[in-house]
Amino acid sequence: MTASPSNVRLQRAYDDPTPDHGHLVLVDRLWPRGRTKEQLPFDAWVRDLGPSTQLRKWFGHDPARWPGFQARYHAELAEPDRARRSTPWPSGRVEARPADAEPSTHAYRRI
C-alpha cells in the first residue's frame, strides 16, 4: 500500500519535523544549502520529482512566470519515465519536503 494524498503533508526542508511527521522525503533535485545530511535526516531523497534544472533556471523565482512554471512542472510530473525512476512512496504518513529556502506564495511545493 502506498501513501494516499491525504497522508502526504508538505513542509519546507529547513523546518523542524513535526512530532508525528512519519516518513520524511526530500523532493528536490538539490540538497538544501548550508545543511548536512546529519542535520536533515530524511528517509528518502526523491530527486526526480523536483523540477528539472532547465525549468528551475527558466523560472528564476520570477512571480510573472509562475503560471508558466506550474504548467511546465505539471507536464514534467506527467512524464511516464519520471514515475518509474522515483522511489515508491511508503505506506502511512509522509512529509514531502522541498528545499526552497524561503516560504513563498510561488514555491513549487504549493502546485
Foldseek 3Di string as FASTA:
>chain_A
DAADPVQEAEDAQPDDADPQAPQEEEEALDDAPPDDCVRRVHPYYWHLLHDDPVLCVVPVVDVVCLVVSLVVSVVSNPDPVSVVSGDTHHYGHYYYHYHDPDDDPRDPVVD
